[in-house]
Amino acid sequence: SVFGTPLGFGIQVQSVLMDDSHHAKR
């Protein structure tokens, strides 16, 4: 973010189920 403003974003590291049925961090 930019200090003193509402500008910015949030993302998160999560374990996601992939097409081959294993989990990976995305």
PDB file of all heavy atoms in Angstrom:
ATOM      1  N   SER A   1       0.825  -1.200   0.000  1.00  0.00           N
ATOM      2  CA  SER A   1       0.000   0.000   0.000  1.00  0.00           C
ATOM      3  C   SER A   1       0.863   1.255   0.000  1.00  0.00           C
ATOM      4  O   SER A   1       2.086   1.189   0.124  1.00  0.00           O
ATOM      5  CB  SER A   1      -0.927   0.002   1.226  1.00  0.00           C
ATOM      6  OG  SER A   1      -0.166   0.030   2.423  1.00  0.00           O
ATOM      7  N   VAL A   2       0.196   2.396  -0.116  1.00  0.00           N
ATOM      8  CA  VAL A   2       0.837   3.706  -0.026  1.00  0.00           C
ATOM      9  C   VAL A   2       0.420   4.330   1.294  1.00  0.00           C
ATOM     10  O   VAL A   2      -0.774   4.466   1.564  1.00  0.00           O
ATOM     11  CB  VAL A   2       0.434   4.620  -1.199  1.00  0.00           C
ATOM     12  CG1 VAL A   2       1.120   5.981  -1.073  1.00  0.00           C
ATOM     13  CG2 VAL A   2       0.765   3.977  -2.536  1.00  0.00           C
ATOM     14  N   PHE A   3       1.397   4.687   2.095  1.00  0.00           N
ATOM     15  CA  PHE A   3       1.101   5.222   3.427  1.00  0.00           C
ATOM     16  C   PHE A   3       0.194   6.453   3.336  1.00  0.00           C
ATOM     17  O   PHE A   3       0.400   7.339   2.523  1.00  0.00           O
ATOM     18  CB  PHE A   3       2.395   5.593   4.146  1.00  0.00           C
ATOM     19  CG  PHE A   3       2.179   6.027   5.569  1.00  0.00           C
ATOM     20  CD1 PHE A   3       2.034   5.092   6.577  1.00  0.00           C
ATOM     21  CD2 PHE A   3       2.093   7.370   5.899  1.00  0.00           C
ATOM     22  CE1 PHE A   3       1.824   5.474   7.893  1.00  0.00           C
ATOM     23  CE2 PHE A   3       1.882   7.775   7.204  1.00  0.00           C
ATOM     24  CZ  PHE A   3       1.741   6.825   8.207  1.00  0.00           C
ATOM     25  N   GLY A   4      -0.809   6.477   4.196  1.00  0.00           N
ATOM     26  CA  GLY A   4      -1.707   7.626   4.274  1.00  0.00           C
ATOM     27  C   GLY A   4      -2.802   7.657   3.239  1.00  0.00           C
ATOM     28  O   GLY A   4      -3.534   8.640   3.133  1.00  0.00           O
ATOM     29  N   THR A   5      -2.921   6.567   2.447  1.00  0.00           N
ATOM     30  CA  THR A   5      -3.970   6.483   1.427  1.00  0.00           C
ATOM     31  C   THR A   5      -4.647   5.118   1.530  1.00  0.00           C
ATOM     32  O   THR A   5      -4.096   4.195   2.132  1.00  0.00           O
ATOM     33  CB  THR A   5      -3.397   6.634  -0.003  1.00  0.00           C
ATOM     34  OG1 THR A   5      -2.788   5.399  -0.408  1.00  0.00           O
ATOM     35  CG2 THR A   5      -2.370   7.753  -0.074  1.00  0.00           C
ATOM     36  N   PRO A   6      -5.821   4.967   0.902  1.00  0.00           N
ATOM     37  CA  PRO A   6      -6.461   3.646   0.867  1.00  0.00           C
ATOM     38  C   PRO A   6      -5.970   2.773  -0.286  1.00  0.00           C
ATOM     39  O   PRO A   6      -6.492   1.680  -0.502  1.00  0.00           O
ATOM     40  CB  PRO A   6      -7.946   3.994   0.673  1.00  0.00           C
ATOM     41  CG  PRO A   6      -7.928   5.270  -0.106  1.00  0.00           C
ATOM     42  CD  PRO A   6      -6.712   6.020   0.381  1.00  0.00           C
ATOM     43  N   LEU A   7      -4.962   3.230  -1.013  1.00  0.00           N
ATOM     44  CA  LEU A   7      -4.473   2.507  -2.182  1.00  0.00           C
ATOM     45  C   LEU A   7      -3.684   1.277  -1.760  1.00  0.00           C
ATOM     46  O   LEU A   7      -2.813   1.356  -0.882  1.00  0.00           O
ATOM     47  CB  LEU A   7      -3.584   3.412  -3.039  1.00  0.00           C
ATOM     48  CG  LEU A   7      -4.204   4.703  -3.558  1.00  0.00           C
ATOM     49  CD1 LEU A   7      -3.187   5.502  -4.350  1.00  0.00           C
ATOM     50  CD2 LEU A   7      -5.438   4.415  -4.400  1.00  0.00           C
ATOM     51  N   GLY A   8      -3.962   0.156  -2.390  1.00  0.00           N
ATOM     52  CA  GLY A   8      -3.202  -1.045  -2.098  1.00  0.00           C
ATOM     53  C   GLY A   8      -4.004  -2.304  -2.342  1.00  0.00           C
ATOM     54  O   GLY A   8      -5.147  -2.266  -2.792  1.00  0.00           O
ATOM     55  N   PHE A   9      -3.388  -3.445  -2.040  1.00  0.00           N
ATOM     56  CA  PHE A   9      -4.037  -4.732  -2.264  1.00  0.00           C
ATOM     57  C   PHE A   9      -3.601  -5.721  -1.197  1.00  0.00           C
ATOM     58  O   PHE A   9      -2.612  -5.518  -0.483  1.00  0.00           O
ATOM     59  CB  PHE A   9      -3.697  -5.277  -3.655  1.00  0.00           C
ATOM     60  CG  PHE A   9      -2.237  -5.612  -3.853  1.00  0.00           C
ATOM     61  CD1 PHE A   9      -1.702  -6.833  -3.413  1.00  0.00           C
ATOM     62  CD2 PHE A   9      -1.373  -4.718  -4.489  1.00  0.00           C
ATOM     63  CE1 PHE A   9      -0.366  -7.139  -3.595  1.00  0.00           C
ATOM     64  CE2 PHE A   9      -0.029  -5.014  -4.676  1.00  0.00           C
ATOM     65  CZ  PHE A   9       0.473  -6.226  -4.223  1.00  0.00           C
ATOM     66  N   GLY A  10      -4.347  -6.814  -1.121  1.00  0.00           N
ATOM     67  CA  GLY A  10      -3.997  -7.927  -0.250  1.00  0.00           C
ATOM     68  C   GLY A  10      -4.049  -9.229  -1.026  1.00  0.00           C
ATOM     69  O   GLY A  10      -4.974  -9.458  -1.810  1.00  0.00           O
ATOM     70  N   ILE A  11      -3.042 -10.064  -0.847  1.00  0.00           N
ATOM     71  CA  ILE A  11      -3.010 -11.397  -1.428  1.00  0.00           C
ATOM     72  C   ILE A  11      -2.608 -12.367  -0.322  1.00  0.00           C
ATOM     73  O   ILE A  11      -2.099 -11.947   0.719  1.00  0.00           O
ATOM     74  CB  ILE A  11      -2.032 -11.496  -2.623  1.00  0.00           C
ATOM     75  CG1 ILE A  11      -0.623 -11.038  -2.218  1.00  0.00           C
ATOM     76  CG2 ILE A  11      -2.546 -10.677  -3.802  1.00  0.00           C
ATOM     77  CD1 ILE A  11       0.400 -11.091  -3.340  1.00  0.00           C
ATOM     78  N   GLN A  12      -2.844 -13.656  -0.531  1.00  0.00           N
ATOM     79  CA  GLN A  12      -2.536 -14.632   0.508  1.00  0.00           C
ATOM     80  C   GLN A  12      -1.938 -15.895  -0.090  1.00  0.00           C
ATOM     81  O   GLN A  12      -2.307 -16.320  -1.185  1.00  0.00           O
ATOM     82  CB  GLN A  12      -3.794 -14.982   1.301  1.00  0.00           C
ATOM     83  CG  GLN A  12      -3.518 -15.870   2.521  1.00  0.00           C
ATOM     84  CD  GLN A  12      -4.756 -16.116   3.358  1.00  0.00           C
ATOM     85  OE1 GLN A  12      -5.860 -16.255   2.825  1.00  0.00           O
ATOM     86  NE2 GLN A  12      -4.594 -16.158   4.674  1.00  0.00           N
ATOM     87  N   VAL A  13      -1.002 -16.476   0.648  1.00  0.00           N
ATOM     88  CA  VAL A  13      -0.430 -17.769   0.283  1.00  0.00           C
ATOM     89  C   VAL A  13      -1.366 -18.859   0.792  1.00  0.00           C
ATOM     90  O   VAL A  13      -1.665 -18.927   1.982  1.00  0.00           O
ATOM     91  CB  VAL A  13       0.968 -17.968   0.908  1.00  0.00           C
ATOM     92  CG1 VAL A  13       1.544 -19.317   0.502  1.00  0.00           C
ATOM     93  CG2 VAL A  13       1.906 -16.835   0.518  1.00  0.00           C
ATOM     94  N   GLN A  14      -1.844 -19.691  -0.137  1.00  0.00           N
ATOM     95  CA  GLN A  14      -2.726 -20.786   0.249  1.00  0.00           C
ATOM     96  C   GLN A  14      -2.324 -22.070  -0.468  1.00  0.00           C
ATOM     97  O   GLN A  14      -1.716 -22.041  -1.528  1.00  0.00           O
ATOM     98  CB  GLN A  14      -4.193 -20.458  -0.081  1.00  0.00           C
ATOM     99  CG  GLN A  14      -4.799 -19.389   0.791  1.00  0.00           C
ATOM    100  CD  GLN A  14      -6.309 -19.311   0.633  1.00  0.00           C
ATOM    101  OE1 GLN A  14      -6.926 -20.125  -0.039  1.00  0.00           O
ATOM    102  NE2 GLN A  14      -6.911 -18.323   1.252  1.00  0.00           N
ATOM    103  N   SER A  15      -2.676 -23.178   0.142  1.00  0.00           N
ATOM    104  CA  SER A  15      -2.484 -24.483  -0.492  1.00  0.00           C
ATOM    105  C   SER A  15      -3.672 -24.732  -1.420  1.00  0.00           C
ATOM    106  O   SER A  15      -4.820 -24.758  -0.981  1.00  0.00           O
ATOM    107  CB  SER A  15      -2.393 -25.574   0.569  1.00  0.00           C
ATOM    108  OG  SER A  15      -2.223 -26.836  -0.036  1.00  0.00           O
ATOM    109  N   VAL A  16      -3.387 -24.877  -2.707  1.00  0.00           N
ATOM    110  CA  VAL A  16      -4.425 -24.988  -3.734  1.00  0.00           C
ATOM    111  C   VAL A  16      -4.384 -26.382  -4.351  1.00  0.00           C
ATOM    112  O   VAL A  16      -3.310 -26.918  -4.637  1.00  0.00           O
ATOM    113  CB  VAL A  16      -4.225 -23.908  -4.818  1.00  0.00           C
ATOM    114  CG1 VAL A  16      -5.233 -24.082  -5.941  1.00  0.00           C
ATOM    115  CG2 VAL A  16      -4.334 -22.517  -4.208  1.00  0.00           C
ATOM    116  N   LEU A  17      -5.554 -26.966  -4.560  1.00  0.00           N
ATOM    117  CA  LEU A  17      -5.647 -28.271  -5.214  1.00  0.00           C
ATOM    118  C   LEU A  17      -5.409 -28.100  -6.708  1.00  0.00           C
ATOM    119  O   LEU A  17      -6.126 -27.372  -7.388  1.00  0.00           O
ATOM    120  CB  LEU A  17      -7.021 -28.899  -4.965  1.00  0.00           C
ATOM    121  CG  LEU A  17      -7.245 -30.300  -5.567  1.00  0.00           C
ATOM    122  CD1 LEU A  17      -6.285 -31.309  -4.932  1.00  0.00           C
ATOM    123  CD2 LEU A  17      -8.697 -30.729  -5.366  1.00  0.00           C
ATOM    124  N   MET A  18      -4.402 -28.804  -7.233  1.00  0.00           N
ATOM    125  CA  MET A  18      -4.037 -28.668  -8.631  1.00  0.00           C
ATOM    126  C   MET A  18      -4.784 -29.700  -9.472  1.00  0.00           C
ATOM    127  O   MET A  18      -5.455 -30.598  -8.953  1.00  0.00           O
ATOM    128  CB  MET A  18      -2.523 -28.845  -8.790  1.00  0.00           C
ATOM    129  CG  MET A  18      -1.696 -27.974  -7.855  1.00  0.00           C
ATOM    130  SD  MET A  18      -2.116 -26.210  -7.954  1.00  0.00           S
ATOM    131  CE  MET A  18      -1.557 -25.841  -9.618  1.00  0.00           C
ATOM    132  N   ASP A  19      -4.628 -29.602 -10.797  1.00  0.00           N
ATOM    133  CA  ASP A  19      -5.333 -30.502 -11.718  1.00  0.00           C
ATOM    134  C   ASP A  19      -4.934 -31.963 -11.543  1.00  0.00           C
ATOM    135  O   ASP A  19      -5.721 -32.862 -11.807  1.00  0.00           O
ATOM    136  CB  ASP A  19      -5.076 -30.071 -13.170  1.00  0.00           C
ATOM    137  CG  ASP A  19      -5.739 -28.741 -13.498  1.00  0.00           C
ATOM    138  OD1 ASP A  19      -6.698 -28.381 -12.794  1.00  0.00           O
ATOM    139  OD2 ASP A  19      -5.294 -28.074 -14.445  1.00  0.00           O
ATOM    140  N   ASP A  20      -3.684 -32.189 -11.097  1.00  0.00           N
ATOM    141  CA  ASP A  20      -3.235 -33.580 -10.917  1.00  0.00           C
ATOM    142  C   ASP A  20      -3.497 -34.087  -9.496  1.00  0.00           C
ATOM    143  O   ASP A  20      -2.888 -35.052  -9.041  1.00  0.00           O
ATOM    144  CB  ASP A  20      -1.758 -33.719 -11.268  1.00  0.00           C
ATOM    145  CG  ASP A  20      -0.867 -32.815 -10.412  1.00  0.00           C
ATOM    146  OD1 ASP A  20      -1.404 -32.102  -9.541  1.00  0.00           O
ATOM    147  OD2 ASP A  20       0.358 -32.841 -10.610  1.00  0.00           O
ATOM    148  N   SER A  21      -4.387 -33.384  -8.783  1.00  0.00           N
ATOM    149  CA  SER A  21      -4.888 -33.798  -7.457  1.00  0.00           C
ATOM    150  C   SER A  21      -3.869 -33.670  -6.322  1.00  0.00           C
ATOM    151  O   SER A  21      -4.078 -34.224  -5.252  1.00  0.00           O
ATOM    152  CB  SER A  21      -5.405 -35.249  -7.497  1.00  0.00           C
ATOM    153  OG  SER A  21      -6.474 -35.345  -8.410  1.00  0.00           O
ATOM    154  N   HIS A  22      -2.774 -32.941  -6.551  1.00  0.00           N
ATOM    155  CA  HIS A  22      -1.885 -32.649  -5.428  1.00  0.00           C
ATOM    156  C   HIS A  22      -2.040 -31.181  -5.047  1.00  0.00           C
ATOM    157  O   HIS A  22      -2.572 -30.371  -5.811  1.00  0.00           O
ATOM    158  CB  HIS A  22      -0.431 -32.976  -5.782  1.00  0.00           C
ATOM    159  CG  HIS A  22       0.270 -31.892  -6.549  1.00  0.00           C
ATOM    160  ND1 HIS A  22       0.096 -31.694  -7.899  1.00  0.00           N
ATOM    161  CD2 HIS A  22       1.148 -30.935  -6.141  1.00  0.00           C
ATOM    162  CE1 HIS A  22       0.828 -30.678  -8.299  1.00  0.00           C
ATOM    163  NE2 HIS A  22       1.472 -30.188  -7.261  1.00  0.00           N
ATOM    164  N   HIS A  23      -1.607 -30.841  -3.837  1.00  0.00           N
ATOM    165  CA  HIS A  23      -1.706 -29.473  -3.359  1.00  0.00           C
ATOM    166  C   HIS A  23      -0.371 -28.744  -3.539  1.00  0.00           C
ATOM    167  O   HIS A  23       0.694 -29.344  -3.390  1.00  0.00           O
ATOM    168  CB  HIS A  23      -2.119 -29.431  -1.885  1.00  0.00           C
ATOM    169  CG  HIS A  23      -3.570 -29.721  -1.663  1.00  0.00           C
ATOM    170  ND1 HIS A  23      -4.074 -31.012  -1.672  1.00  0.00           N
ATOM    171  CD2 HIS A  23      -4.626 -28.895  -1.434  1.00  0.00           C
ATOM    172  CE1 HIS A  23      -5.380 -30.964  -1.453  1.00  0.00           C
ATOM    173  NE2 HIS A  23      -5.740 -29.700  -1.305  1.00  0.00           N
ATOM    174  N   ALA A  24      -0.444 -27.469  -3.858  1.00  0.00           N
ATOM    175  CA  ALA A  24       0.755 -26.648  -3.999  1.00  0.00           C
ATOM    176  C   ALA A  24       0.427 -25.242  -3.524  1.00  0.00           C
ATOM    177  O   ALA A  24      -0.723 -24.798  -3.587  1.00  0.00           O
ATOM    178  CB  ALA A  24       1.229 -26.631  -5.451  1.00  0.00           C
ATOM    179  N   LYS A  25       1.447 -24.551  -3.049  1.00  0.00           N
ATOM    180  CA  LYS A  25       1.240 -23.175  -2.581  1.00  0.00           C
ATOM    181  C   LYS A  25       1.101 -22.237  -3.775  1.00  0.00           C
ATOM    182  O   LYS A  25       1.921 -22.255  -4.695  1.00  0.00           O
ATOM    183  CB  LYS A  25       2.408 -22.727  -1.701  1.00  0.00           C
ATOM    184  CG  LYS A  25       2.454 -23.379  -0.343  1.00  0.00           C
ATOM    185  CD  LYS A  25       3.659 -22.871   0.454  1.00  0.00           C
ATOM    186  CE  LYS A  25       3.772 -23.578   1.790  1.00  0.00           C
ATOM    187  NZ  LYS A  25       4.993 -23.150   2.523  1.00  0.00           N
ATOM    188  N   ARG A  26       0.072 -21.441  -3.745  1.00  0.00           N
ATOM    189  CA  ARG A  26      -0.161 -20.429  -4.753  1.00  0.00           C
ATOM    190  C   ARG A  26      -0.662 -19.157  -4.054  1.00  0.00           C
ATOM    191  O   ARG A  26      -1.058 -19.188  -2.881  1.00  0.00           O
ATOM    192  CB  ARG A  26      -1.213 -20.895  -5.783  1.00  0.00           C
ATOM    193  CG  ARG A  26      -0.792 -22.119  -6.584  1.00  0.00           C
ATOM    194  CD  ARG A  26       0.332 -21.817  -7.538  1.00  0.00           C
ATOM    195  NE  ARG A  26       0.665 -22.964  -8.379  1.00  0.00           N
ATOM    196  CZ  ARG A  26       1.639 -23.832  -8.119  1.00  0.00           C
ATOM    197  NH1 ARG A  26       2.363 -23.700  -7.009  1.00  0.00           N
ATOM    198  NH2 ARG A  26       1.889 -24.838  -8.936  1.00  0.00           N
TER     199      ARG A  26
END
